[in-house]
Amino acid sequence: MSSVKHARAKQDHRVIQKRPFSFLDCIQTDRISVEQVRSAMNVWLDTAELPPSARRQRYEDELEKQEYYQRRNRQAWASHTKTRLARLTALGIDVTQIKSCLTDTAEK
């Protein structure tokens, strides 16, 4: 019984050492929402006890879902940006001439 517990502990240790979101590495993203992180983490935790083939399928399903949301978020961002620029232009505001209120901290 002791050797079984020891083997299980070693296996758990290996699983914890792996990056939990490695199955999402192929998503091209510069932004990811808290909900997307939560969803990916839930899949990773839920599949810890599953056989590799079932785990792989759940990862692929999650990846498809994440890609869908990334695509929709990019589409929404582009649409909202276009609308915002049109509204500002209608108000006579040239966004290329607006001074930034952000300071450049790289020089300090």
PDB file of N, CA and C in Angstrom:
ATOM      1  N   MET A   1       0.832  -1.197   0.000  1.00  0.00           N
ATOM      2  CA  MET A   1       0.000   0.000   0.000  1.00  0.00           C
ATOM      3  C   MET A   1       0.870   1.252   0.000  1.00  0.00           C
ATOM      4  N   SER A   2       1.951   1.213   0.759  1.00  0.00           N
ATOM      5  CA  SER A   2       2.837   2.364   0.845  1.00  0.00           C
ATOM      6  C   SER A   2       3.476   2.683  -0.501  1.00  0.00           C
ATOM      7  N   SER A   3       3.873   1.648  -1.250  1.00  0.00           N
ATOM      8  CA  SER A   3       4.497   1.876  -2.550  1.00  0.00           C
ATOM      9  C   SER A   3       3.504   2.469  -3.549  1.00  0.00           C
ATOM     10  N   VAL A   4       2.218   2.101  -3.410  1.00  0.00           N
ATOM     11  CA  VAL A   4       1.189   2.664  -4.290  1.00  0.00           C
ATOM     12  C   VAL A   4       1.030   4.156  -4.014  1.00  0.00           C
ATOM     13  N   LYS A   5       0.979   4.518  -2.729  1.00  0.00           N
ATOM     14  CA  LYS A   5       0.873   5.933  -2.369  1.00  0.00           C
ATOM     15  C   LYS A   5       2.093   6.699  -2.862  1.00  0.00           C
ATOM     16  N   HIS A   6       3.264   6.106  -2.719  1.00  0.00           N
ATOM     17  CA  HIS A   6       4.497   6.763  -3.160  1.00  0.00           C
ATOM     18  C   HIS A   6       4.483   6.975  -4.674  1.00  0.00           C
ATOM     19  N   ALA A   7       4.050   5.968  -5.416  1.00  0.00           N
ATOM     20  CA  ALA A   7       3.979   6.080  -6.880  1.00  0.00           C
ATOM     21  C   ALA A   7       2.969   7.148  -7.280  1.00  0.00           C
ATOM     22  N   ARG A   8       1.836   7.198  -6.605  1.00  0.00           N
ATOM     23  CA  ARG A   8       0.808   8.206  -6.887  1.00  0.00           C
ATOM     24  C   ARG A   8       1.340   9.611  -6.594  1.00  0.00           C
ATOM     25  N   ALA A   9       2.076   9.762  -5.509  1.00  0.00           N
ATOM     26  CA  ALA A   9       2.650  11.054  -5.158  1.00  0.00           C
ATOM     27  C   ALA A   9       3.646  11.510  -6.223  1.00  0.00           C
ATOM     28  N   LYS A  10       4.441  10.573  -6.740  1.00  0.00           N
ATOM     29  CA  LYS A  10       5.391  10.917  -7.805  1.00  0.00           C
ATOM     30  C   LYS A  10       4.646  11.342  -9.065  1.00  0.00           C
ATOM     31  N   GLN A  11       3.549  10.640  -9.368  1.00  0.00           N
ATOM     32  CA  GLN A  11       2.770  10.986 -10.554  1.00  0.00           C
ATOM     33  C   GLN A  11       2.142  12.375 -10.387  1.00  0.00           C
ATOM     34  N   ASP A  12       1.567  12.643  -9.219  1.00  0.00           N
ATOM     35  CA  ASP A  12       0.983  13.959  -8.963  1.00  0.00           C
ATOM     36  C   ASP A  12       2.027  15.051  -9.115  1.00  0.00           C
ATOM     37  N   HIS A  13       3.222  14.790  -8.629  1.00  0.00           N
ATOM     38  CA  HIS A  13       4.303  15.766  -8.713  1.00  0.00           C
ATOM     39  C   HIS A  13       4.635  16.076 -10.173  1.00  0.00           C
ATOM     40  N   ARG A  14       4.684  15.045 -11.008  1.00  0.00           N
ATOM     41  CA  ARG A  14       4.972  15.252 -12.439  1.00  0.00           C
ATOM     42  C   ARG A  14       3.862  16.068 -13.097  1.00  0.00           C
ATOM     43  N   VAL A  15       2.622  15.792 -12.732  1.00  0.00           N
ATOM     44  CA  VAL A  15       1.494  16.518 -13.320  1.00  0.00           C
ATOM     45  C   VAL A  15       1.557  17.983 -12.923  1.00  0.00           C
ATOM     46  N   ILE A  16       1.857  18.258 -11.672  1.00  0.00           N
ATOM     47  CA  ILE A  16       1.930  19.640 -11.198  1.00  0.00           C
ATOM     48  C   ILE A  16       3.069  20.383 -11.876  1.00  0.00           C
ATOM     49  N   GLN A  17       4.151  19.705 -12.196  1.00  0.00           N
ATOM     50  CA  GLN A  17       5.280  20.363 -12.834  1.00  0.00           C
ATOM     51  C   GLN A  17       4.972  20.791 -14.266  1.00  0.00           C
ATOM     52  N   LYS A  18       4.046  20.122 -14.921  1.00  0.00           N
ATOM     53  CA  LYS A  18       3.689  20.481 -16.292  1.00  0.00           C
ATOM     54  C   LYS A  18       2.929  21.802 -16.285  1.00  0.00           C
ATOM     55  N   ARG A  19       3.089  22.552 -17.362  1.00  0.00           N
ATOM     56  CA  ARG A  19       2.362  23.815 -17.471  1.00  0.00           C
ATOM     57  C   ARG A  19       0.885  23.516 -17.700  1.00  0.00           C
ATOM     58  N   PRO A  20      -0.009  24.093 -16.903  1.00  0.00           N
ATOM     59  CA  PRO A  20      -1.418  23.759 -17.011  1.00  0.00           C
ATOM     60  C   PRO A  20      -2.065  24.190 -18.327  1.00  0.00           C
ATOM     61  N   PHE A  21      -1.557  25.196 -19.001  1.00  0.00           N
ATOM     62  CA  PHE A  21      -2.193  25.678 -20.214  1.00  0.00           C
ATOM     63  C   PHE A  21      -1.404  25.323 -21.460  1.00  0.00           C
ATOM     64  N   SER A  22      -0.551  24.318 -21.377  1.00  0.00           N
ATOM     65  CA  SER A  22       0.273  23.965 -22.527  1.00  0.00           C
ATOM     66  C   SER A  22      -0.575  23.566 -23.726  1.00  0.00           C
ATOM     67  N   PHE A  23      -1.776  23.047 -23.481  1.00  0.00           N
ATOM     68  CA  PHE A  23      -2.626  22.677 -24.607  1.00  0.00           C
ATOM     69  C   PHE A  23      -3.221  23.896 -25.304  1.00  0.00           C
ATOM     70  N   LEU A  24      -3.056  25.085 -24.724  1.00  0.00           N
ATOM     71  CA  LEU A  24      -3.547  26.307 -25.351  1.00  0.00           C
ATOM     72  C   LEU A  24      -2.431  27.095 -26.028  1.00  0.00           C
ATOM     73  N   ASP A  25      -1.230  26.524 -26.099  1.00  0.00           N
ATOM     74  CA  ASP A  25      -0.091  27.227 -26.670  1.00  0.00           C
ATOM     75  C   ASP A  25      -0.296  27.653 -28.112  1.00  0.00           C
ATOM     76  N   CYS A  26      -1.117  26.943 -28.862  1.00  0.00           N
ATOM     77  CA  CYS A  26      -1.259  27.256 -30.280  1.00  0.00           C
ATOM     78  C   CYS A  26      -2.217  28.418 -30.528  1.00  0.00           C
ATOM     79  N   ILE A  27      -2.870  28.965 -29.497  1.00  0.00           N
ATOM     80  CA  ILE A  27      -3.737  30.123 -29.692  1.00  0.00           C
ATOM     81  C   ILE A  27      -2.865  31.356 -29.860  1.00  0.00           C
ATOM     82  N   GLN A  28      -3.090  32.096 -30.944  1.00  0.00           N
ATOM     83  CA  GLN A  28      -2.383  33.349 -31.181  1.00  0.00           C
ATOM     84  C   GLN A  28      -3.154  34.446 -30.465  1.00  0.00           C
ATOM     85  N   THR A  29      -2.642  34.898 -29.357  1.00  0.00           N
ATOM     86  CA  THR A  29      -3.378  35.897 -28.597  1.00  0.00           C
ATOM     87  C   THR A  29      -2.444  36.864 -27.897  1.00  0.00           C
ATOM     88  N   ASP A  30      -2.911  38.071 -27.755  1.00  0.00           N
ATOM     89  CA  ASP A  30      -2.193  39.020 -26.915  1.00  0.00           C
ATOM     90  C   ASP A  30      -3.058  39.409 -25.725  1.00  0.00           C
ATOM     91  N   ARG A  31      -4.309  38.978 -25.736  1.00  0.00           N
ATOM     92  CA  ARG A  31      -5.214  39.228 -24.620  1.00  0.00           C
ATOM     93  C   ARG A  31      -5.992  37.944 -24.332  1.00  0.00           C
ATOM     94  N   ILE A  32      -6.134  37.640 -23.059  1.00  0.00           N
ATOM     95  CA  ILE A  32      -6.955  36.498 -22.659  1.00  0.00           C
ATOM     96  C   ILE A  32      -7.739  36.936 -21.431  1.00  0.00           C
ATOM     97  N   SER A  33      -9.020  36.635 -21.426  1.00  0.00           N
ATOM     98  CA  SER A  33      -9.885  37.099 -20.345  1.00  0.00           C
ATOM     99  C   SER A  33      -9.741  36.203 -19.114  1.00  0.00           C
ATOM    100  N   VAL A  34     -10.184  36.728 -17.999  1.00  0.00           N
ATOM    101  CA  VAL A  34     -10.181  35.953 -16.760  1.00  0.00           C
ATOM    102  C   VAL A  34     -11.072  34.728 -16.924  1.00  0.00           C
ATOM    103  N   GLU A  35     -12.185  34.887 -17.623  1.00  0.00           N
ATOM    104  CA  GLU A  35     -13.089  33.763 -17.864  1.00  0.00           C
ATOM    105  C   GLU A  35     -12.409  32.669 -18.679  1.00  0.00           C
ATOM    106  N   GLN A  36     -11.592  33.049 -19.659  1.00  0.00           N
ATOM    107  CA  GLN A  36     -10.887  32.058 -20.460  1.00  0.00           C
ATOM    108  C   GLN A  36      -9.843  31.316 -19.621  1.00  0.00           C
ATOM    109  N   VAL A  37      -9.177  32.023 -18.743  1.00  0.00           N
ATOM    110  CA  VAL A  37      -8.204  31.386 -17.843  1.00  0.00           C
ATOM    111  C   VAL A  37      -8.928  30.423 -16.911  1.00  0.00           C
ATOM    112  N   ARG A  38     -10.057  30.865 -16.362  1.00  0.00           N
ATOM    113  CA  ARG A  38     -10.836  30.014 -15.455  1.00  0.00           C
ATOM    114  C   ARG A  38     -11.308  28.751 -16.163  1.00  0.00           C
ATOM    115  N   SER A  39     -11.811  28.915 -17.369  1.00  0.00           N
ATOM    116  CA  SER A  39     -12.308  27.767 -18.126  1.00  0.00           C
ATOM    117  C   SER A  39     -11.191  26.769 -18.428  1.00  0.00           C
ATOM    118  N   ALA A  40     -10.046  27.272 -18.883  1.00  0.00           N
ATOM    119  CA  ALA A  40      -8.914  26.389 -19.182  1.00  0.00           C
ATOM    120  C   ALA A  40      -8.419  25.682 -17.919  1.00  0.00           C
ATOM    121  N   MET A  41      -8.371  26.405 -16.821  1.00  0.00           N
ATOM    122  CA  MET A  41      -7.917  25.801 -15.564  1.00  0.00           C
ATOM    123  C   MET A  41      -8.894  24.729 -15.091  1.00  0.00           C
ATOM    124  N   ASN A  42     -10.187  24.972 -15.254  1.00  0.00           N
ATOM    125  CA  ASN A  42     -11.188  23.971 -14.879  1.00  0.00           C
ATOM    126  C   ASN A  42     -11.021  22.693 -15.691  1.00  0.00           C
ATOM    127  N   VAL A  43     -10.777  22.835 -16.978  1.00  0.00           N
ATOM    128  CA  VAL A  43     -10.568  21.648 -17.817  1.00  0.00           C
ATOM    129  C   VAL A  43      -9.334  20.894 -17.352  1.00  0.00           C
ATOM    130  N   TRP A  44      -8.269  21.624 -17.091  1.00  0.00           N
ATOM    131  CA  TRP A  44      -7.035  20.977 -16.650  1.00  0.00           C
ATOM    132  C   TRP A  44      -7.241  20.224 -15.341  1.00  0.00           C
ATOM    133  N   LEU A  45      -7.939  20.859 -14.401  1.00  0.00           N
ATOM    134  CA  LEU A  45      -8.187  20.202 -13.111  1.00  0.00           C
ATOM    135  C   LEU A  45      -9.147  19.021 -13.255  1.00  0.00           C
ATOM    136  N   ASP A  46     -10.189  19.188 -14.066  1.00  0.00           N
ATOM    137  CA  ASP A  46     -11.181  18.127 -14.242  1.00  0.00           C
ATOM    138  C   ASP A  46     -10.617  16.893 -14.940  1.00  0.00           C
ATOM    139  N   THR A  47      -9.595  17.077 -15.750  1.00  0.00           N
ATOM    140  CA  THR A  47      -9.072  15.957 -16.531  1.00  0.00           C
ATOM    141  C   THR A  47      -7.868  15.280 -15.895  1.00  0.00           C
ATOM    142  N   ALA A  48      -7.467  15.708 -14.734  1.00  0.00           N
ATOM    143  CA  ALA A  48      -6.265  15.157 -14.098  1.00  0.00           C
ATOM    144  C   ALA A  48      -6.356  13.647 -13.886  1.00  0.00           C
ATOM    145  N   GLU A  49      -7.543  13.141 -13.614  1.00  0.00           N
ATOM    146  CA  GLU A  49      -7.716  11.718 -13.325  1.00  0.00           C
ATOM    147  C   GLU A  49      -8.152  10.907 -14.548  1.00  0.00           C
ATOM    148  N   LEU A  50      -8.359  11.556 -15.676  1.00  0.00           N
ATOM    149  CA  LEU A  50      -8.826  10.848 -16.872  1.00  0.00           C
ATOM    150  C   LEU A  50      -7.671  10.173 -17.601  1.00  0.00           C
ATOM    151  N   PRO A  51      -7.972   9.156 -18.378  1.00  0.00           N
ATOM    152  CA  PRO A  51      -6.934   8.533 -19.211  1.00  0.00           C
ATOM    153  C   PRO A  51      -6.471   9.537 -20.282  1.00  0.00           C
ATOM    154  N   PRO A  52      -5.251   9.380 -20.770  1.00  0.00           N
ATOM    155  CA  PRO A  52      -4.690  10.352 -21.720  1.00  0.00           C
ATOM    156  C   PRO A  52      -5.561  10.635 -22.939  1.00  0.00           C
ATOM    157  N   SER A  53      -6.199   9.621 -23.497  1.00  0.00           N
ATOM    158  CA  SER A  53      -7.021   9.854 -24.698  1.00  0.00           C
ATOM    159  C   SER A  53      -8.232  10.737 -24.378  1.00  0.00           C
ATOM    160  N   ALA A  54      -8.878  10.502 -23.245  1.00  0.00           N
ATOM    161  CA  ALA A  54     -10.024  11.325 -22.841  1.00  0.00           C
ATOM    162  C   ALA A  54      -9.569  12.740 -22.497  1.00  0.00           C
ATOM    163  N   ARG A  55      -8.419  12.827 -21.834  1.00  0.00           N
ATOM    164  CA  ARG A  55      -7.852  14.128 -21.483  1.00  0.00           C
ATOM    165  C   ARG A  55      -7.560  14.935 -22.750  1.00  0.00           C
ATOM    166  N   ARG A  56      -6.952  14.282 -23.723  1.00  0.00           N
ATOM    167  CA  ARG A  56      -6.613  14.935 -24.986  1.00  0.00           C
ATOM    168  C   ARG A  56      -7.868  15.463 -25.679  1.00  0.00           C
ATOM    169  N   GLN A  57      -8.948  14.673 -25.659  1.00  0.00           N
ATOM    170  CA  GLN A  57     -10.203  15.102 -26.288  1.00  0.00           C
ATOM    171  C   GLN A  57     -10.779  16.330 -25.589  1.00  0.00           C
ATOM    172  N   ARG A  58     -10.753  16.327 -24.263  1.00  0.00           N
ATOM    173  CA  ARG A  58     -11.250  17.497 -23.518  1.00  0.00           C
ATOM    174  C   ARG A  58     -10.398  18.719 -23.804  1.00  0.00           C
ATOM    175  N   TYR A  59      -9.076  18.547 -23.913  1.00  0.00           N
ATOM    176  CA  TYR A  59      -8.188  19.655 -24.252  1.00  0.00           C
ATOM    177  C   TYR A  59      -8.513  20.204 -25.642  1.00  0.00           C
ATOM    178  N   GLU A  60      -8.752  19.302 -26.594  1.00  0.00           N
ATOM    179  CA  GLU A  60      -9.084  19.740 -27.954  1.00  0.00           C
ATOM    180  C   GLU A  60     -10.411  20.487 -27.981  1.00  0.00           C
ATOM    181  N   ASP A  61     -11.395  20.008 -27.214  1.00  0.00           N
ATOM    182  CA  ASP A  61     -12.684  20.694 -27.134  1.00  0.00           C
ATOM    183  C   ASP A  61     -12.514  22.096 -26.540  1.00  0.00           C
ATOM    184  N   GLU A  62     -11.718  22.184 -25.481  1.00  0.00           N
ATOM    185  CA  GLU A  62     -11.467  23.486 -24.849  1.00  0.00           C
ATOM    186  C   GLU A  62     -10.719  24.408 -25.805  1.00  0.00           C
ATOM    187  N   LEU A  63      -9.774  23.864 -26.531  1.00  0.00           N
ATOM    188  CA  LEU A  63      -9.013  24.654 -27.487  1.00  0.00           C
ATOM    189  C   LEU A  63      -9.930  25.237 -28.560  1.00  0.00           C
ATOM    190  N   GLU A  64     -10.845  24.435 -29.075  1.00  0.00           N
ATOM    191  CA  GLU A  64     -11.806  24.930 -30.063  1.00  0.00           C
ATOM    192  C   GLU A  64     -12.643  26.068 -29.484  1.00  0.00           C
ATOM    193  N   LYS A  65     -13.079  25.881 -28.248  1.00  0.00           N
ATOM    194  CA  LYS A  65     -13.882  26.910 -27.590  1.00  0.00           C
ATOM    195  C   LYS A  65     -13.071  28.200 -27.399  1.00  0.00           C
ATOM    196  N   GLN A  66     -11.823  28.048 -26.949  1.00  0.00           N
ATOM    197  CA  GLN A  66     -10.964  29.217 -26.736  1.00  0.00           C
ATOM    198  C   GLN A  66     -10.684  29.940 -28.049  1.00  0.00           C
ATOM    199  N   GLU A  67     -10.450  29.185 -29.126  1.00  0.00           N
ATOM    200  CA  GLU A  67     -10.218  29.804 -30.435  1.00  0.00           C
ATOM    201  C   GLU A  67     -11.448  30.572 -30.899  1.00  0.00           C
ATOM    202  N   TYR A  68     -12.628  30.014 -30.648  1.00  0.00           N
ATOM    203  CA  TYR A  68     -13.872  30.693 -31.000  1.00  0.00           C
ATOM    204  C   TYR A  68     -13.966  32.034 -30.273  1.00  0.00           C
ATOM    205  N   TYR A  69     -13.740  32.013 -28.959  1.00  0.00           N
ATOM    206  CA  TYR A  69     -13.832  33.248 -28.185  1.00  0.00           C
ATOM    207  C   TYR A  69     -12.768  34.267 -28.599  1.00  0.00           C
ATOM    208  N   GLN A  70     -11.571  33.799 -28.904  1.00  0.00           N
ATOM    209  CA  GLN A  70     -10.520  34.711 -29.367  1.00  0.00           C
ATOM    210  C   GLN A  70     -10.926  35.366 -30.686  1.00  0.00           C
ATOM    211  N   ARG A  71     -11.482  34.575 -31.581  1.00  0.00           N
ATOM    212  CA  ARG A  71     -11.922  35.106 -32.873  1.00  0.00           C
ATOM    213  C   ARG A  71     -13.029  36.145 -32.672  1.00  0.00           C
ATOM    214  N   ARG A  72     -13.987  35.832 -31.821  1.00  0.00           N
ATOM    215  CA  ARG A  72     -15.079  36.766 -31.539  1.00  0.00           C
ATOM    216  C   ARG A  72     -14.569  38.030 -30.851  1.00  0.00           C
ATOM    217  N   ASN A  73     -13.622  37.897 -29.936  1.00  0.00           N
ATOM    218  CA  ASN A  73     -13.066  39.064 -29.251  1.00  0.00           C
ATOM    219  C   ASN A  73     -12.320  39.970 -30.220  1.00  0.00           C
ATOM    220  N   ARG A  74     -11.550  39.377 -31.144  1.00  0.00           N
ATOM    221  CA  ARG A  74     -10.858  40.188 -32.160  1.00  0.00           C
ATOM    222  C   ARG A  74     -11.857  40.931 -33.033  1.00  0.00           C
ATOM    223  N   GLN A  75     -12.917  40.225 -33.417  1.00  0.00           N
ATOM    224  CA  GLN A  75     -13.955  40.821 -34.254  1.00  0.00           C
ATOM    225  C   GLN A  75     -14.642  41.973 -33.517  1.00  0.00           C
ATOM    226  N   ALA A  76     -14.971  41.767 -32.266  1.00  0.00           N
ATOM    227  CA  ALA A  76     -15.617  42.805 -31.460  1.00  0.00           C
ATOM    228  C   ALA A  76     -14.687  43.994 -31.270  1.00  0.00           C
ATOM    229  N   TRP A  77     -13.411  43.724 -30.996  1.00  0.00           N
ATOM    230  CA  TRP A  77     -12.446  44.811 -30.805  1.00  0.00           C
ATOM    231  C   TRP A  77     -12.364  45.676 -32.062  1.00  0.00           C
ATOM    232  N   ALA A  78     -12.274  45.035 -33.232  1.00  0.00           N
ATOM    233  CA  ALA A  78     -12.184  45.778 -34.486  1.00  0.00           C
ATOM    234  C   ALA A  78     -13.437  46.612 -34.715  1.00  0.00           C
ATOM    235  N   SER A  79     -14.594  46.035 -34.451  1.00  0.00           N
ATOM    236  CA  SER A  79     -15.852  46.739 -34.649  1.00  0.00           C
ATOM    237  C   SER A  79     -15.990  47.923 -33.692  1.00  0.00           C
ATOM    238  N   HIS A  80     -15.670  47.714 -32.422  1.00  0.00           N
ATOM    239  CA  HIS A  80     -15.774  48.783 -31.428  1.00  0.00           C
ATOM    240  C   HIS A  80     -14.782  49.901 -31.727  1.00  0.00           C
ATOM    241  N   THR A  81     -13.587  49.543 -32.177  1.00  0.00           N
ATOM    242  CA  THR A  81     -12.578  50.546 -32.513  1.00  0.00           C
ATOM    243  C   THR A  81     -13.045  51.381 -33.698  1.00  0.00           C
ATOM    244  N   LYS A  82     -13.581  50.739 -34.702  1.00  0.00           N
ATOM    245  CA  LYS A  82     -14.082  51.431 -35.884  1.00  0.00           C
ATOM    246  C   LYS A  82     -15.203  52.408 -35.495  1.00  0.00           C
ATOM    247  N   THR A  83     -16.129  51.934 -34.662  1.00  0.00           N
ATOM    248  CA  THR A  83     -17.238  52.777 -34.214  1.00  0.00           C
ATOM    249  C   THR A  83     -16.737  53.961 -33.398  1.00  0.00           C
ATOM    250  N   ARG A  84     -15.797  53.712 -32.485  1.00  0.00           N
ATOM    251  CA  ARG A  84     -15.261  54.786 -31.638  1.00  0.00           C
ATOM    252  C   ARG A  84     -14.540  55.831 -32.480  1.00  0.00           C
ATOM    253  N   LEU A  85     -13.747  55.393 -33.440  1.00  0.00           N
ATOM    254  CA  LEU A  85     -13.039  56.340 -34.309  1.00  0.00           C
ATOM    255  C   LEU A  85     -14.023  57.175 -35.131  1.00  0.00           C
ATOM    256  N   ALA A  86     -15.082  56.545 -35.621  1.00  0.00           N
ATOM    257  CA  ALA A  86     -16.101  57.273 -36.386  1.00  0.00           C
ATOM    258  C   ALA A  86     -16.785  58.319 -35.520  1.00  0.00           C
ATOM    259  N   ARG A  87     -17.096  57.972 -34.288  1.00  0.00           N
ATOM    260  CA  ARG A  87     -17.743  58.940 -33.374  1.00  0.00           C
ATOM    261  C   ARG A  87     -16.819  60.103 -33.055  1.00  0.00           C
ATOM    262  N   LEU A  88     -15.564  59.801 -32.803  1.00  0.00           N
ATOM    263  CA  LEU A  88     -14.614  60.874 -32.509  1.00  0.00           C
ATOM    264  C   LEU A  88     -14.408  61.777 -33.721  1.00  0.00           C
ATOM    265  N   THR A  89     -14.341  61.180 -34.902  1.00  0.00           N
ATOM    266  CA  THR A  89     -14.192  61.962 -36.132  1.00  0.00           C
ATOM    267  C   THR A  89     -15.419  62.846 -36.336  1.00  0.00           C
ATOM    268  N   ALA A  90     -16.610  62.333 -36.057  1.00  0.00           N
ATOM    269  CA  ALA A  90     -17.846  63.113 -36.189  1.00  0.00           C
ATOM    270  C   ALA A  90     -17.859  64.300 -35.227  1.00  0.00           C
ATOM    271  N   LEU A  91     -17.161  64.155 -34.109  1.00  0.00           N
ATOM    272  CA  LEU A  91     -17.055  65.258 -33.137  1.00  0.00           C
ATOM    273  C   LEU A  91     -15.929  66.222 -33.495  1.00  0.00           C
ATOM    274  N   GLY A  92     -15.223  65.933 -34.574  1.00  0.00           N
ATOM    275  CA  GLY A  92     -14.130  66.802 -35.007  1.00  0.00           C
ATOM    276  C   GLY A  92     -12.818  66.518 -34.291  1.00  0.00           C
ATOM    277  N   ILE A  93     -12.681  65.356 -33.714  1.00  0.00           N
ATOM    278  CA  ILE A  93     -11.464  64.995 -32.980  1.00  0.00           C
ATOM    279  C   ILE A  93     -10.584  64.142 -33.877  1.00  0.00           C
ATOM    280  N   ASP A  94      -9.369  64.594 -34.104  1.00  0.00           N
ATOM    281  CA  ASP A  94      -8.391  63.815 -34.883  1.00  0.00           C
ATOM    282  C   ASP A  94      -7.556  63.007 -33.889  1.00  0.00           C
ATOM    283  N   VAL A  95      -7.780  61.713 -33.875  1.00  0.00           N
ATOM    284  CA  VAL A  95      -7.127  60.875 -32.868  1.00  0.00           C
ATOM    285  C   VAL A  95      -5.618  60.802 -33.056  1.00  0.00           C
ATOM    286  N   THR A  96      -5.129  61.113 -34.245  1.00  0.00           N
ATOM    287  CA  THR A  96      -3.675  61.086 -34.463  1.00  0.00           C
ATOM    288  C   THR A  96      -2.998  62.296 -33.833  1.00  0.00           C
ATOM    289  N   GLN A  97      -3.780  63.307 -33.474  1.00  0.00           N
ATOM    290  CA  GLN A  97      -3.223  64.522 -32.890  1.00  0.00           C
ATOM    291  C   GLN A  97      -3.395  64.603 -31.372  1.00  0.00           C
ATOM    292  N   ILE A  98      -4.042  63.617 -30.779  1.00  0.00           N
ATOM    293  CA  ILE A  98      -4.261  63.605 -29.334  1.00  0.00           C
ATOM    294  C   ILE A  98      -2.951  63.264 -28.642  1.00  0.00           C
ATOM    295  N   LYS A  99      -2.615  64.080 -27.633  1.00  0.00           N
ATOM    296  CA  LYS A  99      -1.404  63.798 -26.868  1.00  0.00           C
ATOM    297  C   LYS A  99      -1.704  62.733 -25.821  1.00  0.00           C
ATOM    298  N   SER A 100      -0.752  61.878 -25.599  1.00  0.00           N
ATOM    299  CA  SER A 100      -0.916  60.799 -24.636  1.00  0.00           C
ATOM    300  C   SER A 100      -0.721  61.318 -23.217  1.00  0.00           C
ATOM    301  N   CYS A 101      -1.529  60.815 -22.310  1.00  0.00           N
ATOM    302  CA  CYS A 101      -1.358  61.171 -20.900  1.00  0.00           C
ATOM    303  C   CYS A 101      -0.449  60.156 -20.192  1.00  0.00           C
ATOM    304  N   LEU A 102      -0.042  59.142 -20.921  1.00  0.00           N
ATOM    305  CA  LEU A 102       0.868  58.148 -20.360  1.00  0.00           C
ATOM    306  C   LEU A 102       2.287  58.658 -20.450  1.00  0.00           C
ATOM    307  N   THR A 103       3.022  58.500 -19.371  1.00  0.00           N
ATOM    308  CA  THR A 103       4.415  58.931 -19.379  1.00  0.00           C
ATOM    309  C   THR A 103       5.291  57.764 -19.799  1.00  0.00           C
ATOM    310  N   ASP A 104       6.385  58.075 -20.434  1.00  0.00           N
ATOM    311  CA  ASP A 104       7.313  57.032 -20.867  1.00  0.00           C
ATOM    312  C   ASP A 104       8.235  56.714 -19.709  1.00  0.00           C
ATOM    313  N   THR A 105       7.996  55.591 -19.056  1.00  0.00           N
ATOM    314  CA  THR A 105       8.798  55.217 -17.889  1.00  0.00           C
ATOM    315  C   THR A 105      10.095  54.529 -18.295  1.00  0.00           C
ATOM    316  N   ALA A 106      10.233  54.206 -19.570  1.00  0.00           N
ATOM    317  CA  ALA A 106      11.447  53.519 -20.032  1.00  0.00           C
ATOM    318  C   ALA A 106      12.669  54.427 -19.947  1.00  0.00           C
ATOM    319  N   GLU A 107      12.461  55.733 -20.038  1.00  0.00           N
ATOM    320  CA  GLU A 107      13.586  56.675 -19.985  1.00  0.00           C
ATOM    321  C   GLU A 107      14.138  56.844 -18.591  1.00  0.00           C
ATOM    322  N   LYS A 108      13.354  56.529 -17.581  1.00  0.00           N
ATOM    323  CA  LYS A 108      13.793  56.757 -16.192  1.00  0.00           C
ATOM    324  C   LYS A 108      14.657  55.649 -15.695  1.00  0.00           C
TER     325      LYS A 108
END
